[in-house]
């Protein structure tokens, strides 16, 4: 996937800031004024250098919190006419520090824009898997997600996953993955994957996912 830089918007109790999001396919970098945050997921962005005294940005265990992020990534849809360019809007709410050490909320909503059509996931999703499934169910017949999440060879670990960017790619083990028919089969092949990818990524070997494939079906 090629690197993309797209506009970003940050909102907290003091108001809004405009910035940019750079995505190289593995690492996310959010720039707000002179401050840069980076991480592998939208709910785990840390400042690249110590914040000065009096900074408006709030952290929990060195991760940005107490704010909402409004971001966009390019996404492609497949139709009978071929690939169609779309935009995926990401609304990530990062809550207050919680007593257990995390946040009291980290809610995600996705909105898919392909004018004049628009779709949105339900509010309060916890990760891209749930939110993209919401969107996928809403798409009309003949329109599919052309990204790693919609690929035959992208799947999650049976032991859990992060909110974004922990999708496992099995493109180098296609013949093995195509034989998986149960959770036990999948566990036995779990070490047979190429690398982890972002759900929104896509490579030249994209293959439209078939129902019932692998662990996530």
C-alpha atoms as a PDB file:
ATOM      1  CA  UNK A   1       0.000   0.000   0.000  1.00  0.00           C
ATOM      2  CA  UNK A   2       1.238   3.473  -0.855  1.00  0.00           C
ATOM      3  CA  UNK A   3       1.601   6.047   1.886  1.00  0.00           C
ATOM      4  CA  UNK A   4      -1.325   8.447   2.183  1.00  0.00           C
ATOM      5  CA  UNK A   5      -1.631  11.786   3.953  1.00  0.00           C
ATOM      6  CA  UNK A   6      -5.181  12.967   4.606  1.00  0.00           C
ATOM      7  CA  UNK A   7      -6.791  15.783   6.627  1.00  0.00           C
ATOM      8  CA  UNK A   8      -7.530  15.151  10.302  1.00  0.00           C
ATOM      9  CA  UNK A   9      -9.596  16.903  12.941  1.00  0.00           C
ATOM     10  CA  UNK A  10      -9.092  16.745  16.707  1.00  0.00           C
ATOM     11  CA  UNK A  11     -11.698  17.809  19.269  1.00  0.00           C
ATOM     12  CA  UNK A  12     -11.499  18.151  23.049  1.00  0.00           C
ATOM     13  CA  UNK A  13     -13.062  20.305  25.784  1.00  0.00           C
ATOM     14  CA  UNK A  14     -11.073  23.317  24.550  1.00  0.00           C
ATOM     15  CA  UNK A  15     -12.317  23.133  20.980  1.00  0.00           C
ATOM     16  CA  UNK A  16     -11.005  21.827  17.666  1.00  0.00           C
ATOM     17  CA  UNK A  17      -7.669  21.564  15.900  1.00  0.00           C
ATOM     18  CA  UNK A  18      -7.018  20.766  12.257  1.00  0.00           C
ATOM     19  CA  UNK A  19      -4.126  18.520  11.305  1.00  0.00           C
ATOM     20  CA  UNK A  20      -3.152  15.604   9.099  1.00  0.00           C
ATOM     21  CA  UNK A  21      -2.910  11.830   9.248  1.00  0.00           C
ATOM     22  CA  UNK A  22      -0.066  10.017   7.504  1.00  0.00           C
ATOM     23  CA  UNK A  23      -0.486   6.287   6.956  1.00  0.00           C
ATOM     24  CA  UNK A  24       2.363   4.230   5.489  1.00  0.00           C
ATOM     25  CA  UNK A  25       0.377   0.990   5.634  1.00  0.00           C
ATOM     26  CA  UNK A  26       1.792  -0.035   8.999  1.00  0.00           C
ATOM     27  CA  UNK A  27       2.297   3.090  11.079  1.00  0.00           C
ATOM     28  CA  UNK A  28      -0.118   5.979  11.686  1.00  0.00           C
ATOM     29  CA  UNK A  29       1.210   9.488  12.320  1.00  0.00           C
ATOM     30  CA  UNK A  30      -1.179  12.218  13.466  1.00  0.00           C
ATOM     31  CA  UNK A  31       0.184  15.764  13.246  1.00  0.00           C
ATOM     32  CA  UNK A  32      -1.562  18.522  15.213  1.00  0.00           C
ATOM     33  CA  UNK A  33       0.335  21.789  14.985  1.00  0.00           C
ATOM     34  CA  UNK A  34       3.876  21.138  16.183  1.00  0.00           C
ATOM     35  CA  UNK A  35       2.933  17.896  17.934  1.00  0.00           C
ATOM     36  CA  UNK A  36       3.130  14.467  16.333  1.00  0.00           C
ATOM     37  CA  UNK A  37       1.509  11.302  17.652  1.00  0.00           C
ATOM     38  CA  UNK A  38       2.175   7.868  16.208  1.00  0.00           C
ATOM     39  CA  UNK A  39       1.083   4.291  16.699  1.00  0.00           C
ATOM     40  CA  UNK A  40      -0.340   1.248  14.946  1.00  0.00           C
ATOM     41  CA  UNK A  41      -3.982   1.948  15.847  1.00  0.00           C
ATOM     42  CA  UNK A  42      -6.186   4.983  16.325  1.00  0.00           C
ATOM     43  CA  UNK A  43      -6.669   4.249  20.033  1.00  0.00           C
ATOM     44  CA  UNK A  44      -2.930   3.872  20.740  1.00  0.00           C
ATOM     45  CA  UNK A  45      -1.349   7.105  19.479  1.00  0.00           C
ATOM     46  CA  UNK A  46       1.590   8.335  21.560  1.00  0.00           C
ATOM     47  CA  UNK A  47       3.533  11.618  21.299  1.00  0.00           C
ATOM     48  CA  UNK A  48       6.831  11.243  19.450  1.00  0.00           C
ATOM     49  CA  UNK A  49       8.494  13.605  21.938  1.00  0.00           C
ATOM     50  CA  UNK A  50       7.600  14.643  25.510  1.00  0.00           C
ATOM     51  CA  UNK A  51       4.705  17.083  25.745  1.00  0.00           C
ATOM     52  CA  UNK A  52       5.609  20.506  27.149  1.00  0.00           C
ATOM     53  CA  UNK A  53       4.180  21.696  30.459  1.00  0.00           C
ATOM     54  CA  UNK A  54       0.731  23.108  29.962  1.00  0.00           C
ATOM     55  CA  UNK A  55      -0.013  21.107  26.819  1.00  0.00           C
ATOM     56  CA  UNK A  56      -3.709  20.744  26.046  1.00  0.00           C
ATOM     57  CA  UNK A  57      -3.253  17.093  25.085  1.00  0.00           C
ATOM     58  CA  UNK A  58      -4.141  14.473  27.695  1.00  0.00           C
ATOM     59  CA  UNK A  59      -2.421  11.109  27.996  1.00  0.00           C
ATOM     60  CA  UNK A  60      -3.081   7.826  29.754  1.00  0.00           C
ATOM     61  CA  UNK A  61      -0.004   5.601  29.903  1.00  0.00           C
ATOM     62  CA  UNK A  62       1.527   7.809  27.200  1.00  0.00           C
ATOM     63  CA  UNK A  63      -1.476   7.332  24.872  1.00  0.00           C
ATOM     64  CA  UNK A  64      -3.743  10.143  23.662  1.00  0.00           C
ATOM     65  CA  UNK A  65      -7.112  10.327  25.443  1.00  0.00           C
ATOM     66  CA  UNK A  66      -9.985  12.685  26.416  1.00  0.00           C
ATOM     67  CA  UNK A  67     -10.715  13.649  22.821  1.00  0.00           C
ATOM     68  CA  UNK A  68     -12.398  12.686  19.568  1.00  0.00           C
ATOM     69  CA  UNK A  69     -10.566  12.144  16.283  1.00  0.00           C
ATOM     70  CA  UNK A  70     -12.167  12.652  12.882  1.00  0.00           C
ATOM     71  CA  UNK A  71     -10.058  11.050  10.171  1.00  0.00           C
ATOM     72  CA  UNK A  72     -10.348   9.748   6.609  1.00  0.00           C
ATOM     73  CA  UNK A  73      -8.673   6.978   4.641  1.00  0.00           C
ATOM     74  CA  UNK A  74      -9.121   6.098   0.968  1.00  0.00           C
ATOM     75  CA  UNK A  75     -10.920   2.823   0.325  1.00  0.00           C
ATOM     76  CA  UNK A  76     -11.942   0.987  -2.837  1.00  0.00           C
ATOM     77  CA  UNK A  77     -15.244  -0.778  -3.496  1.00  0.00           C
ATOM     78  CA  UNK A  78     -15.754  -3.461  -6.139  1.00  0.00           C
ATOM     79  CA  UNK A  79     -18.793  -3.222  -8.385  1.00  0.00           C
ATOM     80  CA  UNK A  80     -19.929  -4.828 -11.640  1.00  0.00           C
ATOM     81  CA  UNK A  81     -18.336  -1.853 -13.406  1.00  0.00           C
ATOM     82  CA  UNK A  82     -14.991  -2.403 -11.659  1.00  0.00           C
ATOM     83  CA  UNK A  83     -13.166  -0.669  -8.781  1.00  0.00           C
ATOM     84  CA  UNK A  84     -14.854   2.440  -7.352  1.00  0.00           C
ATOM     85  CA  UNK A  85     -13.020   5.033  -5.254  1.00  0.00           C
ATOM     86  CA  UNK A  86     -14.518   5.779  -1.841  1.00  0.00           C
ATOM     87  CA  UNK A  87     -13.587   7.446   1.440  1.00  0.00           C
ATOM     88  CA  UNK A  88     -13.737   5.826   4.864  1.00  0.00           C
ATOM     89  CA  UNK A  89     -14.433   8.348   7.623  1.00  0.00           C
ATOM     90  CA  UNK A  90     -13.191   7.277  11.055  1.00  0.00           C
ATOM     91  CA  UNK A  91     -14.703   8.750  14.210  1.00  0.00           C
ATOM     92  CA  UNK A  92     -12.700   7.613  17.234  1.00  0.00           C
ATOM     93  CA  UNK A  93     -13.784   8.710  20.711  1.00  0.00           C
ATOM     94  CA  UNK A  94     -11.095   8.330  23.394  1.00  0.00           C
ATOM     95  CA  UNK A  95     -12.456   8.682  26.896  1.00  0.00           C
ATOM     96  CA  UNK A  96     -11.283   9.519  30.390  1.00  0.00           C
ATOM     97  CA  UNK A  97      -8.631   7.524  32.288  1.00  0.00           C
ATOM     98  CA  UNK A  98     -10.269   4.665  34.161  1.00  0.00           C
ATOM     99  CA  UNK A  99      -9.287   3.250  37.590  1.00  0.00           C
ATOM    100  CA  UNK A 100      -7.999  -0.005  36.040  1.00  0.00           C
ATOM    101  CA  UNK A 101      -5.490   1.913  33.943  1.00  0.00           C
ATOM    102  CA  UNK A 102      -7.267   2.034  30.592  1.00  0.00           C
ATOM    103  CA  UNK A 103      -9.957   4.398  29.343  1.00  0.00           C
ATOM    104  CA  UNK A 104     -13.622   4.488  30.296  1.00  0.00           C
ATOM    105  CA  UNK A 105     -14.491   4.374  26.596  1.00  0.00           C
ATOM    106  CA  UNK A 106     -12.812   3.951  23.216  1.00  0.00           C
ATOM    107  CA  UNK A 107     -15.748   4.012  20.826  1.00  0.00           C
ATOM    108  CA  UNK A 108     -15.445   3.765  17.068  1.00  0.00           C
ATOM    109  CA  UNK A 109     -17.793   4.615  14.229  1.00  0.00           C
ATOM    110  CA  UNK A 110     -17.064   4.277  10.510  1.00  0.00           C
ATOM    111  CA  UNK A 111     -18.794   6.079   7.673  1.00  0.00           C
ATOM    112  CA  UNK A 112     -18.292   5.029   4.059  1.00  0.00           C
ATOM    113  CA  UNK A 113     -18.728   7.686   1.384  1.00  0.00           C
ATOM    114  CA  UNK A 114     -19.125   6.945  -2.322  1.00  0.00           C
ATOM    115  CA  UNK A 115     -21.254   9.892  -3.503  1.00  0.00           C
ATOM    116  CA  UNK A 116     -24.147   9.983  -3.822  1.00  0.00           C
ATOM    117  CA  UNK A 117     -24.230   6.917  -1.548  1.00  0.00           C
ATOM    118  CA  UNK A 118     -23.246   6.862   2.130  1.00  0.00           C
ATOM    119  CA  UNK A 119     -23.269   4.157   4.791  1.00  0.00           C
ATOM    120  CA  UNK A 120     -22.445   4.276   8.509  1.00  0.00           C
ATOM    121  CA  UNK A 121     -21.756   1.671  11.154  1.00  0.00           C
ATOM    122  CA  UNK A 122     -23.556   1.711  14.459  1.00  0.00           C
ATOM    123  CA  UNK A 123     -22.017   3.923  17.120  1.00  0.00           C
ATOM    124  CA  UNK A 124     -19.976   2.416  19.915  1.00  0.00           C
ATOM    125  CA  UNK A 125     -18.135  -0.296  18.003  1.00  0.00           C
ATOM    126  CA  UNK A 126     -14.878  -1.355  19.659  1.00  0.00           C
ATOM    127  CA  UNK A 127     -12.797  -2.323  16.626  1.00  0.00           C
ATOM    128  CA  UNK A 128     -12.604  -2.243  12.844  1.00  0.00           C
ATOM    129  CA  UNK A 129     -13.822  -5.830  12.509  1.00  0.00           C
ATOM    130  CA  UNK A 130     -17.216  -5.050  14.051  1.00  0.00           C
ATOM    131  CA  UNK A 131     -17.555  -1.673  12.330  1.00  0.00           C
ATOM    132  CA  UNK A 132     -16.590  -2.972   8.869  1.00  0.00           C
ATOM    133  CA  UNK A 133     -18.958  -5.919   9.243  1.00  0.00           C
ATOM    134  CA  UNK A 134     -21.705  -3.374   9.962  1.00  0.00           C
ATOM    135  CA  UNK A 135     -20.855  -1.528   6.758  1.00  0.00           C
ATOM    136  CA  UNK A 136     -20.447  -4.695   4.715  1.00  0.00           C
ATOM    137  CA  UNK A 137     -23.977  -5.872   5.632  1.00  0.00           C
ATOM    138  CA  UNK A 138     -25.414  -2.578   4.408  1.00  0.00           C
ATOM    139  CA  UNK A 139     -23.806  -2.605   0.977  1.00  0.00           C
ATOM    140  CA  UNK A 140     -26.179  -3.450  -1.874  1.00  0.00           C
ATOM    141  CA  UNK A 141     -25.747  -6.618  -3.921  1.00  0.00           C
ATOM    142  CA  UNK A 142     -22.824  -6.342  -6.298  1.00  0.00           C
ATOM    143  CA  UNK A 143     -20.842  -3.921  -4.140  1.00  0.00           C
ATOM    144  CA  UNK A 144     -18.021  -5.299  -1.984  1.00  0.00           C
ATOM    145  CA  UNK A 145     -15.081  -3.999   0.050  1.00  0.00           C
ATOM    146  CA  UNK A 146     -11.816  -4.239  -1.899  1.00  0.00           C
ATOM    147  CA  UNK A 147      -9.372  -4.203   1.008  1.00  0.00           C
ATOM    148  CA  UNK A 148      -7.535  -6.633   3.267  1.00  0.00           C
ATOM    149  CA  UNK A 149     -10.647  -7.014   5.432  1.00  0.00           C
ATOM    150  CA  UNK A 150     -12.621  -8.157   2.386  1.00  0.00           C
ATOM    151  CA  UNK A 151      -9.867 -10.473   1.153  1.00  0.00           C
ATOM    152  CA  UNK A 152     -10.040 -14.264   1.201  1.00  0.00           C
ATOM    153  CA  UNK A 153      -6.639 -14.423   2.896  1.00  0.00           C
ATOM    154  CA  UNK A 154      -7.082 -11.980   5.776  1.00  0.00           C
ATOM    155  CA  UNK A 155      -8.076 -13.366   9.179  1.00  0.00           C
ATOM    156  CA  UNK A 156      -7.739 -12.727  12.919  1.00  0.00           C
ATOM    157  CA  UNK A 157      -6.089 -14.659  15.708  1.00  0.00           C
ATOM    158  CA  UNK A 158      -8.305 -16.918  17.805  1.00  0.00           C
ATOM    159  CA  UNK A 159      -6.552 -15.407  20.835  1.00  0.00           C
ATOM    160  CA  UNK A 160      -7.754 -11.867  20.221  1.00  0.00           C
ATOM    161  CA  UNK A 161      -6.798  -8.812  18.205  1.00  0.00           C
ATOM    162  CA  UNK A 162      -6.186  -5.104  18.406  1.00  0.00           C
ATOM    163  CA  UNK A 163      -8.717  -2.510  17.320  1.00  0.00           C
ATOM    164  CA  UNK A 164      -6.915  -1.939  14.000  1.00  0.00           C
ATOM    165  CA  UNK A 165      -3.952  -3.281  12.060  1.00  0.00           C
ATOM    166  CA  UNK A 166      -3.722  -6.806  13.501  1.00  0.00           C
ATOM    167  CA  UNK A 167      -5.331  -8.656  10.599  1.00  0.00           C
ATOM    168  CA  UNK A 168      -3.133 -11.621   9.619  1.00  0.00           C
ATOM    169  CA  UNK A 169      -2.279 -12.124   5.940  1.00  0.00           C
ATOM    170  CA  UNK A 170      -2.176 -15.701   4.588  1.00  0.00           C
ATOM    171  CA  UNK A 171      -1.366 -14.844   0.969  1.00  0.00           C
ATOM    172  CA  UNK A 172       1.828 -16.922   1.018  1.00  0.00           C
ATOM    173  CA  UNK A 173      -0.099 -19.925   2.365  1.00  0.00           C
ATOM    174  CA  UNK A 174      -3.220 -19.849   0.197  1.00  0.00           C
ATOM    175  CA  UNK A 175      -3.482 -23.599  -0.365  1.00  0.00           C
ATOM    176  CA  UNK A 176      -3.266 -24.290   3.380  1.00  0.00           C
ATOM    177  CA  UNK A 177      -5.719 -21.551   4.339  1.00  0.00           C
ATOM    178  CA  UNK A 178      -8.274 -22.684   1.749  1.00  0.00           C
ATOM    179  CA  UNK A 179      -8.453 -26.073   3.515  1.00  0.00           C
ATOM    180  CA  UNK A 180      -9.379 -24.596   6.912  1.00  0.00           C
ATOM    181  CA  UNK A 181     -12.897 -25.647   7.865  1.00  0.00           C
ATOM    182  CA  UNK A 182     -12.928 -25.366  11.659  1.00  0.00           C
ATOM    183  CA  UNK A 183     -11.464 -23.459  14.578  1.00  0.00           C
ATOM    184  CA  UNK A 184      -9.221 -26.471  15.289  1.00  0.00           C
ATOM    185  CA  UNK A 185      -7.917 -26.453  11.707  1.00  0.00           C
ATOM    186  CA  UNK A 186      -7.227 -22.778  12.035  1.00  0.00           C
ATOM    187  CA  UNK A 187      -5.351 -23.134  15.329  1.00  0.00           C
ATOM    188  CA  UNK A 188      -3.100 -25.771  13.797  1.00  0.00           C
ATOM    189  CA  UNK A 189      -2.215 -23.396  10.941  1.00  0.00           C
ATOM    190  CA  UNK A 190      -2.004 -20.226  13.051  1.00  0.00           C
ATOM    191  CA  UNK A 191       1.757 -19.845  12.597  1.00  0.00           C
ATOM    192  CA  UNK A 192       1.387 -20.083   8.827  1.00  0.00           C
ATOM    193  CA  UNK A 193       0.817 -16.427   7.977  1.00  0.00           C
ATOM    194  CA  UNK A 194       2.905 -13.838   6.172  1.00  0.00           C
ATOM    195  CA  UNK A 195       2.515 -10.744   8.326  1.00  0.00           C
ATOM    196  CA  UNK A 196      -0.125  -8.496   9.870  1.00  0.00           C
ATOM    197  CA  UNK A 197      -1.864  -5.845   7.784  1.00  0.00           C
ATOM    198  CA  UNK A 198      -4.286  -2.961   8.184  1.00  0.00           C
ATOM    199  CA  UNK A 199      -7.903  -3.787   7.420  1.00  0.00           C
ATOM    200  CA  UNK A 200      -7.997  -0.886   4.949  1.00  0.00           C
ATOM    201  CA  UNK A 201      -4.904  -1.954   3.000  1.00  0.00           C
ATOM    202  CA  UNK A 202      -4.872  -3.831  -0.299  1.00  0.00           C
ATOM    203  CA  UNK A 203      -2.255  -5.591  -2.427  1.00  0.00           C
ATOM    204  CA  UNK A 204      -2.200  -6.866  -6.037  1.00  0.00           C
ATOM    205  CA  UNK A 205      -3.046 -10.386  -4.798  1.00  0.00           C
ATOM    206  CA  UNK A 206      -6.437  -9.332  -3.416  1.00  0.00           C
ATOM    207  CA  UNK A 207      -8.978 -12.151  -3.730  1.00  0.00           C
ATOM    208  CA  UNK A 208     -12.631 -11.552  -2.907  1.00  0.00           C
ATOM    209  CA  UNK A 209     -13.537 -13.363   0.296  1.00  0.00           C
ATOM    210  CA  UNK A 210     -15.839 -16.370   0.115  1.00  0.00           C
ATOM    211  CA  UNK A 211     -18.460 -17.057   2.811  1.00  0.00           C
ATOM    212  CA  UNK A 212     -17.347 -19.606   5.407  1.00  0.00           C
ATOM    213  CA  UNK A 213     -13.618 -19.088   4.936  1.00  0.00           C
ATOM    214  CA  UNK A 214     -11.143 -19.571   7.777  1.00  0.00           C
ATOM    215  CA  UNK A 215     -11.770 -18.562  11.379  1.00  0.00           C
ATOM    216  CA  UNK A 216     -13.986 -15.529  10.855  1.00  0.00           C
ATOM    217  CA  UNK A 217     -16.135 -17.132   8.147  1.00  0.00           C
END
